[in-house]
Protein backbone atom coordinates (compact mmCIF):
# COMPACT_ATOMS: atom_id res chain seq x y z
CA MET A 1 94.69 97.79 94.80
CA THR A 2 93.71 101.37 95.42
CA HIS A 3 96.14 104.00 94.74
CA PRO A 4 96.34 105.24 98.37
CA VAL A 5 97.27 108.35 99.97
CA ASN A 6 100.79 108.68 100.35
CA THR A 7 101.67 112.29 102.25
CA ALA A 8 100.86 113.51 105.59
CA SER A 9 98.61 116.25 104.38
CA GLN A 10 96.44 113.88 102.10
CA VAL A 11 96.01 110.66 104.89
CA ALA A 12 94.96 114.05 107.60
CA THR A 13 92.52 115.24 105.03
CA ALA A 14 91.23 111.77 104.17
CA PHE A 15 90.86 110.99 108.00
CA ARG A 16 88.85 114.22 108.45
CA LYS A 17 86.61 113.32 105.42
CA ARG A 18 86.22 109.74 107.29
CA PHE A 19 85.62 110.70 110.87
CA GLY A 20 84.64 114.12 110.78
CA THR A 21 87.21 115.49 113.42
CA SER A 22 90.99 116.40 112.95
CA ALA A 23 93.59 113.62 113.19
CA GLN A 24 95.98 114.31 116.19
CA GLY A 25 98.78 112.47 114.57
CA ILE A 26 100.22 111.25 111.19
CA TYR A 27 102.52 108.16 111.32
CA ARG A 28 104.54 106.16 109.06
CA ALA A 29 106.30 102.83 108.63
CA PRO A 30 108.20 101.25 105.69
CA GLY A 31 107.81 97.65 104.06
CA ARG A 32 111.26 95.98 103.40
CA VAL A 33 113.22 94.16 101.08
CA ASN A 34 115.75 91.31 102.37
CA LEU A 35 118.72 91.23 100.20
CA ILE A 36 120.03 87.61 101.70
CA GLY A 37 119.01 85.65 104.73
CA GLU A 38 115.72 83.85 103.97
CA HIS A 39 114.04 81.80 106.66
CA THR A 40 116.63 82.65 108.79
CA ASP A 41 115.05 84.64 111.35
CA TYR A 42 113.15 82.10 113.01
CA ASN A 43 116.28 80.26 113.56
CA ASP A 44 117.85 82.74 115.67
CA GLY A 45 120.00 83.13 112.29
CA PHE A 46 121.27 86.43 110.27
CA VAL A 47 119.50 88.63 107.83
CA PHE A 48 120.19 91.49 105.72
CA PRO A 49 117.32 93.64 105.08
CA ALA A 50 116.41 97.22 103.81
CA ALA A 51 113.57 99.43 104.46
CA ILE A 52 112.25 100.52 101.38
CA GLY A 53 110.35 103.53 99.80
CA PHE A 54 106.70 101.98 100.04
CA SER A 55 104.87 102.69 103.71
CA CYS A 56 101.80 102.35 105.45
CA TRP A 57 100.74 105.64 106.63
CA VAL A 58 98.22 106.01 109.73
CA ALA A 59 96.35 109.02 110.72
CA CYS A 60 95.13 108.34 114.14
CA ALA A 61 93.06 110.56 117.25
CA ALA A 62 92.42 109.81 120.48
CA ARG A 63 88.66 108.65 121.72
CA SER A 64 87.19 109.30 125.13
CA ASP A 65 86.18 105.48 125.59
CA ARG A 66 88.01 102.04 125.02
CA LYS A 67 86.91 101.26 121.24
CA LEU A 68 89.20 101.17 118.14
CA VAL A 69 87.69 102.27 114.97
CA VAL A 70 89.73 101.29 111.98
CA TYR A 71 89.73 101.94 108.56
CA SER A 72 91.78 100.78 105.64
CA GLU A 73 91.57 102.84 102.58
CA ASN A 74 93.13 100.14 100.41
CA LEU A 75 90.23 97.57 101.11
CA ASP A 76 87.74 100.13 101.80
CA GLU A 77 86.92 98.40 105.05
CA THR A 78 86.30 99.56 108.37
CA ALA A 79 86.52 97.27 111.59
CA ASP A 80 86.08 98.26 115.10
CA SER A 81 86.53 96.26 118.71
CA ASN A 82 86.79 97.52 122.48
CA LEU A 83 90.40 97.25 123.91
CA ASP A 84 88.80 95.06 126.57
CA LEU A 85 87.45 92.17 124.24
CA LEU A 86 90.66 91.63 122.41
CA LYS A 87 91.50 87.91 122.04
CA PRO A 88 93.88 86.37 119.82
CA GLY A 89 91.71 84.87 116.71
CA ASN A 90 94.67 83.03 114.62
CA SER A 91 92.98 84.90 111.61
CA ARG A 92 94.87 86.67 109.04
CA TYR A 93 91.78 89.13 108.41
CA TRP A 94 93.36 92.41 107.66
CA ALA A 95 91.89 94.29 110.78
CA ASN A 96 93.90 91.86 113.39
CA TYR A 97 96.93 93.12 112.44
CA VAL A 98 96.06 96.28 114.11
CA MET A 99 93.65 94.88 116.85
CA GLY A 100 96.64 92.64 117.73
CA VAL A 101 99.31 94.91 118.01
CA ALA A 102 96.82 96.74 120.42
CA TRP A 103 96.36 93.43 122.28
CA ALA A 104 100.61 93.00 122.44
CA LEU A 105 101.07 96.33 123.67
CA GLU A 106 98.55 96.13 126.36
CA GLN A 107 99.86 92.47 127.01
CA GLY A 108 103.39 93.97 127.26
CA GLY A 109 102.53 96.65 129.92
CA HIS A 110 101.40 99.50 128.05
CA PRO A 111 97.89 100.86 128.46
CA LEU A 112 95.91 102.37 125.66
CA ARG A 113 93.28 104.76 124.84
CA GLY A 114 90.57 104.12 122.57
CA ALA A 115 91.45 105.54 118.75
CA ASN A 116 90.10 106.02 115.52
CA LEU A 117 92.77 105.24 112.99
CA TYR A 118 92.81 105.33 109.18
CA ILE A 119 95.35 103.32 107.30
CA ALA A 120 96.65 104.09 103.85
CA GLY A 121 99.62 102.27 102.27
CA ASN A 122 101.44 101.44 99.18
CA VAL A 123 103.45 99.05 100.25
CA PRO A 124 101.97 96.37 97.53
CA LEU A 125 99.91 93.61 99.19
CA GLY A 126 100.70 89.96 99.09
CA ALA A 127 104.19 90.46 97.45
CA GLY A 128 106.29 89.46 100.27
CA LEU A 129 107.14 93.28 101.24
CA SER A 130 105.93 93.11 104.36
CA SER A 131 102.80 95.07 104.30
CA SER A 132 101.69 93.39 107.32
CA ALA A 133 104.96 94.66 109.23
CA ALA A 134 104.13 98.28 108.21
CA ILE A 135 100.47 98.00 109.05
CA GLU A 136 101.81 96.92 112.56
CA VAL A 137 104.44 99.11 113.21
CA ALA A 138 102.61 102.62 111.97
CA ALA A 139 99.73 101.32 113.88
CA GLY A 140 101.86 100.71 117.20
CA PHE A 141 103.39 104.11 116.87
CA ALA A 142 100.08 105.53 116.69
CA LEU A 143 97.93 104.11 119.79
CA LEU A 144 101.46 104.32 121.81
CA ASP A 145 101.57 108.32 121.15
CA ARG A 146 97.84 108.83 121.20
CA SER A 147 97.93 107.19 124.52
CA HIS A 148 101.11 108.97 125.73
CA GLN A 149 103.24 106.02 126.17
CA ARG A 150 106.88 105.53 125.16
CA ILE A 151 108.68 102.72 124.16
CA GLU A 152 112.22 101.88 122.78
CA LEU A 153 112.23 100.97 119.22
CA THR A 154 113.29 97.12 119.22
CA GLU A 155 110.83 96.79 121.99
CA LEU A 156 108.01 98.19 119.62
CA ALA A 157 109.48 95.33 117.17
CA ARG A 158 109.28 92.67 119.51
CA LEU A 159 105.90 93.46 120.25
CA CYS A 160 104.43 93.79 116.98
CA GLN A 161 106.28 90.31 116.09
CA ARG A 162 104.41 88.99 119.30
CA ALA A 163 101.00 90.29 117.69
CA GLU A 164 101.46 88.64 114.38
CA ASN A 165 102.64 85.40 116.07
CA GLU A 166 100.15 84.80 118.85
CA TYR A 167 97.17 87.11 117.80
CA VAL A 168 97.22 86.59 113.76
CA GLY A 169 98.61 83.10 113.98
CA ALA A 170 101.55 83.60 111.60
CA ARG A 171 104.84 82.25 113.09
CA SER A 172 107.03 84.69 111.43
CA GLY A 173 110.50 86.42 112.82
CA ILE A 174 111.14 89.53 113.76
CA MET A 175 113.23 91.02 111.09
CA ASP A 176 109.95 92.40 108.91
CA GLN A 177 108.92 94.77 112.35
CA PHE A 178 112.63 95.34 113.17
CA VAL A 179 113.90 97.22 109.86
CA SER A 180 110.39 98.60 109.89
CA CYS A 181 111.54 100.22 113.23
CA HIS A 182 115.16 100.68 112.62
CA GLY A 183 115.61 101.18 108.83
CA ARG A 184 118.40 103.44 107.62
CA ALA A 185 118.59 105.24 104.52
CA GLY A 186 121.30 104.04 102.16
CA HIS A 187 121.87 101.13 104.33
CA ALA A 188 121.07 97.66 104.64
CA LEU A 189 120.51 95.93 108.12
CA LEU A 190 122.99 93.05 109.19
CA LEU A 191 120.40 91.79 111.80
CA ASP A 192 121.37 88.91 114.44
CA CYS A 193 118.25 87.76 114.95
CA ARG A 194 119.16 86.05 118.47
CA SER A 195 120.81 88.99 120.17
CA LEU A 196 119.07 91.79 118.16
CA ALA A 197 122.39 93.35 117.55
CA PHE A 198 122.51 95.18 114.36
CA GLU A 199 124.81 97.10 111.74
CA ALA A 200 123.73 99.76 109.19
CA VAL A 201 125.96 98.46 105.78
CA PRO A 202 126.10 101.49 103.39
CA LEU A 203 125.01 100.23 100.21
CA PRO A 204 127.27 101.23 97.20
CA ALA A 205 126.43 104.40 95.25
CA GLY A 206 125.18 103.74 92.01
CA LEU A 207 123.40 100.61 93.12
CA GLN A 208 119.64 100.34 93.16
CA LEU A 209 117.30 97.98 94.62
CA VAL A 210 114.97 96.73 91.79
CA ILE A 211 112.01 94.81 92.90
CA CYS A 212 109.96 92.65 90.59
CA ASN A 213 106.71 91.31 91.53
CA THR A 214 105.54 88.10 89.65
CA MET A 215 102.10 89.24 90.47
CA VAL A 216 101.57 85.62 91.68
CA LYS A 217 100.77 84.28 95.13
CA HIS A 218 99.91 80.65 95.79
CA GLU A 219 97.66 80.06 98.56
CA ILE A 220 100.09 77.26 99.71
CA GLY A 221 102.37 79.66 100.90
CA ALA A 222 100.72 80.50 104.27
CA SER A 223 100.52 77.17 105.53
CA GLU A 224 103.82 75.84 104.00
CA TYR A 225 105.41 78.52 106.01
CA ASN A 226 104.62 77.10 109.27
CA VAL A 227 105.47 73.47 108.27
CA ARG A 228 108.71 74.62 107.28
CA ARG A 229 109.21 76.64 110.98
CA ALA A 230 108.39 72.92 112.56
CA GLU A 231 110.97 71.23 110.11
CA CYS A 232 113.69 73.63 111.56
CA GLU A 233 112.64 72.81 114.72
CA GLU A 234 112.67 69.07 114.50
CA GLY A 235 116.04 69.31 112.89
CA VAL A 236 117.14 71.18 116.41
CA LYS A 237 115.62 68.36 118.48
CA ARG A 238 116.95 65.26 116.51
CA LEU A 239 120.80 66.95 116.26
CA ALA A 240 120.77 68.20 119.86
CA ALA A 241 120.91 64.39 120.80
CA ALA A 242 124.74 64.88 119.37
CA LEU A 243 125.10 68.47 120.02
CA PRO A 244 124.08 69.15 123.49
CA GLY A 245 123.69 72.86 124.25
CA ILE A 246 122.55 74.01 120.71
CA ARG A 247 119.46 76.12 120.82
CA ALA A 248 118.44 76.98 117.21
CA LEU A 249 120.00 76.20 113.57
CA ARG A 250 122.14 79.06 113.78
CA ASP A 251 124.09 77.08 116.28
CA VAL A 252 125.32 74.47 114.19
CA THR A 253 127.88 74.67 111.60
CA MET A 254 127.87 72.71 107.86
CA ALA A 255 130.31 70.44 109.01
CA GLN A 256 128.63 69.40 112.14
CA LEU A 257 125.56 68.89 110.00
CA GLU A 258 127.28 66.71 107.56
CA LYS A 259 128.71 64.77 110.37
CA HIS A 260 125.21 64.18 111.72
CA GLN A 261 122.93 63.97 108.72
CA GLN A 262 122.11 60.36 109.50
CA LEU A 263 120.25 61.83 112.36
CA LEU A 264 117.55 63.50 110.24
CA SER A 265 115.13 62.49 107.27
CA ASN A 266 116.02 63.68 103.93
CA VAL A 267 113.67 66.43 104.12
CA VAL A 268 114.69 67.81 107.51
CA TYR A 269 118.20 67.77 106.49
CA ARG A 270 117.68 69.56 103.20
CA ARG A 271 115.77 72.30 105.04
CA CYS A 272 118.27 72.48 107.66
CA ARG A 273 121.27 72.86 104.85
CA HIS A 274 119.57 75.46 103.35
CA VAL A 275 119.36 77.76 107.04
CA VAL A 276 122.95 76.95 107.89
CA SER A 277 124.35 77.64 104.60
CA GLU A 278 122.20 80.72 104.16
CA ASN A 279 123.73 81.90 107.42
CA ASP A 280 127.03 81.91 106.30
CA ARG A 281 125.89 83.73 102.97
CA VAL A 282 124.68 86.49 104.98
CA LEU A 283 127.64 87.22 106.48
CA GLU A 284 129.91 86.98 103.47
CA SER A 285 127.24 89.14 102.02
CA ALA A 286 127.88 92.06 104.31
CA GLN A 287 131.57 91.51 104.05
CA VAL A 288 131.45 92.03 100.39
CA LEU A 289 129.40 95.13 100.75
CA ARG A 290 131.86 96.37 103.08
CA SER A 291 134.85 95.81 100.65
CA GLY A 292 132.71 97.49 97.91
CA ASN A 293 133.09 95.13 95.55
CA ALA A 294 129.34 94.40 94.66
CA ALA A 295 129.92 92.35 91.87
CA ASP A 296 130.81 89.59 94.26
CA LEU A 297 127.15 89.76 94.99
CA ALA A 298 126.13 88.06 92.21
CA PRO A 299 127.15 84.09 93.19
CA LEU A 300 126.07 84.50 96.84
CA LEU A 301 122.67 85.82 95.71
CA ALA A 302 122.40 83.08 92.96
CA HIS A 303 123.42 80.53 95.50
CA SER A 304 120.60 81.68 98.07
CA HIS A 305 118.12 81.22 95.43
CA ARG A 306 118.93 77.62 94.37
CA SER A 307 118.82 76.93 98.04
CA LEU A 308 115.73 78.27 98.63
CA ARG A 309 114.20 76.36 95.14
CA ASP A 310 115.99 72.69 95.92
CA ASP A 311 116.34 72.44 99.50
CA TYR A 312 113.75 74.74 101.20
CA GLN A 313 111.20 74.40 98.56
CA VAL A 314 109.63 77.55 98.76
CA SER A 315 110.28 79.12 95.24
CA CYS A 316 107.89 78.57 92.37
CA ALA A 317 107.99 78.42 88.70
CA GLU A 318 107.24 82.45 88.24
CA LEU A 319 109.91 83.25 90.88
CA ASP A 320 112.57 80.93 88.73
CA ALA A 321 111.46 82.52 85.69
CA MET A 322 111.81 86.09 86.60
CA VAL A 323 115.21 85.20 88.47
CA GLU A 324 116.85 83.40 85.26
CA ILE A 325 115.49 86.67 83.21
CA ALA A 326 117.20 88.80 85.23
CA SER A 327 120.15 87.34 85.73
CA ARG A 328 120.67 87.78 81.88
CA GLN A 329 120.65 91.52 82.00
CA PRO A 330 123.66 93.92 81.81
CA GLY A 331 124.16 95.89 85.18
CA VAL A 332 122.97 93.16 87.35
CA CYS A 333 124.76 92.26 90.67
CA GLY A 334 122.55 89.34 91.72
CA ALA A 335 118.98 88.04 91.50
CA ARG A 336 117.07 85.84 93.90
CA MET A 337 113.79 85.43 95.22
CA THR A 338 113.04 87.59 98.32
CA GLY A 339 110.12 86.77 100.74
CA GLY A 340 108.60 83.88 102.13
CA GLY A 341 108.08 82.11 98.56
CA PHE A 342 105.57 80.61 96.88
CA GLY A 343 105.03 83.71 94.62
CA GLY A 344 105.86 87.50 95.63
CA CYS A 345 109.09 89.31 94.54
CA THR A 346 112.39 89.06 93.77
CA ILE A 347 115.07 91.27 94.61
CA ASN A 348 118.10 92.57 92.07
CA LEU A 349 120.79 94.71 92.65
CA VAL A 350 121.11 96.81 89.30
CA ALA A 351 123.44 99.29 88.60
CA ALA A 352 121.56 102.53 88.41
CA GLU A 353 122.40 103.36 84.36
CA HIS A 354 121.08 100.24 83.58
CA ALA A 355 118.10 99.96 85.98
CA PRO A 356 115.31 101.78 83.54
CA SER A 357 116.23 99.11 80.55
CA PHE A 358 116.41 96.29 83.17
CA ARG A 359 112.76 97.14 84.13
CA SER A 360 111.52 97.42 80.50
CA HIS A 361 113.39 94.35 79.04
CA VAL A 362 112.57 92.00 82.38
CA ALA A 363 108.70 92.78 82.40
CA ALA A 364 108.56 92.18 78.29
CA ALA A 365 110.49 88.74 78.77
CA TYR A 366 108.26 87.47 81.69
CA GLU A 367 105.01 88.60 80.26
CA LYS A 368 106.00 86.81 77.08
CA GLU A 369 107.10 83.56 79.49
CA THR A 370 104.30 83.56 81.90
CA GLY A 371 101.14 85.59 79.97
CA VAL A 372 101.30 87.69 83.62
CA ARG A 373 102.48 91.38 83.36
CA PRO A 374 104.78 92.24 86.28
CA GLU A 375 105.50 95.22 88.64
CA ILE A 376 108.74 96.30 88.79
CA TYR A 377 109.74 98.83 91.37
CA ILE A 378 113.31 101.07 91.46
CA CYS A 379 113.92 101.65 94.94
CA GLU A 380 116.51 102.88 97.37
CA ALA A 381 116.98 101.99 101.09
CA SER A 382 114.73 104.08 103.01
CA HIS A 383 114.54 105.39 106.60
CA GLY A 384 112.48 103.23 109.09
CA ALA A 385 109.32 104.31 111.01
CA GLU A 386 108.76 107.76 112.12
CA ILE A 387 106.10 110.07 113.74
CA VAL A 388 105.41 112.41 110.78
CA ARG A 389 103.15 114.81 112.75
CA SER A 390 102.14 114.58 116.23
CA ILE A 391 99.83 117.84 117.57
CA ALA A 392 98.34 118.46 121.24
CA SER A 393 95.51 116.32 121.73
CA HIS A 394 92.16 117.22 123.77
CA ASP A 395 93.76 116.75 127.24
CA GLY A 396 96.65 118.75 126.84
CA ASP A 397 99.13 116.45 125.11
CA GLU A 398 102.10 118.24 123.99
CA GLY A 399 102.92 116.27 121.08
CA GLU A 400 105.90 116.70 118.54
CA ARG A 401 107.74 113.59 119.14
CA ALA A 402 110.48 111.98 117.43
CA THR A 403 109.52 108.55 118.64
CA PRO A 404 106.86 106.84 120.14
């Protein structure tokens, strides 16, 4: 990964050097970390993410034709396509996250103009911090703004999710795109993934989000993600024989799951048990933060990690080692894997005064145990996506919008 531009002026300068003209707008969308609530979003459940201070930046200018030309600074690659030729490709090629958003926006009734886009980001790639959603949302903002289209933020999140589901072929839930759109500085979002109602819950003062990147990503993760979703769907189908009216695991209580366990294979039962119990942990975690007693989060995050490791089976040796090391450190109010699993990152809630020593001690211990040097990021909850700069385009657009 290169060290990309990360300010509006830098990305504007880089755009001019690449395309030979001035950018008409600069757009930013953040990555995210999920405090708790893993693999619940595509089960209509509850999640508790926060936007973080790592972002994707997009500089954009409209074209007179229907062509999209997209340059990635991080990968030093260019891709292009005509808006009239976009078709779902079921490929995780990086440009499909942008092309897919363009396709989904037009499918959703938002006609677009062609555009040149310069993309740079500092969301760590492949770390489970949702660099893909940051790209999708920032590109969506850019394409809408340059095409004089307005859209409500939640609808933008829905269409970006559709791009990832149908164009890229990853059956992700809406959490990543939603928090990238709606994130609020100093807060985590308690999100109901069915109704999309959300509450911004303040994070305690003096508590920092410390993200530990194991620097590993096992290839099995991409295929196993869709397997887990299919297993959950099978659980709902089988449970519906005894619980008519349920639509998703969100509708099942732990007592009901235990009562009807015999309807499920052992594997499907364990997958369901994780999701049902994780929903309960999310709601309890939000209540803990409302009460201001952050120390009570530790057992909830620990139970979440064990459930992901043993019932959902999406952890790995490196994640387990990182969580175990972190849990021994002073000032820690909870540690668990975060993201889809099979590598990536852990999330740790750490008292601010202990965060620097936490970073150095965990890095040293993890490298000693695994032979891999981790990256550790001390973060705070960040604001969601924004149009940083929108200037008049060649056809008289007045610009200066705060939202698409």
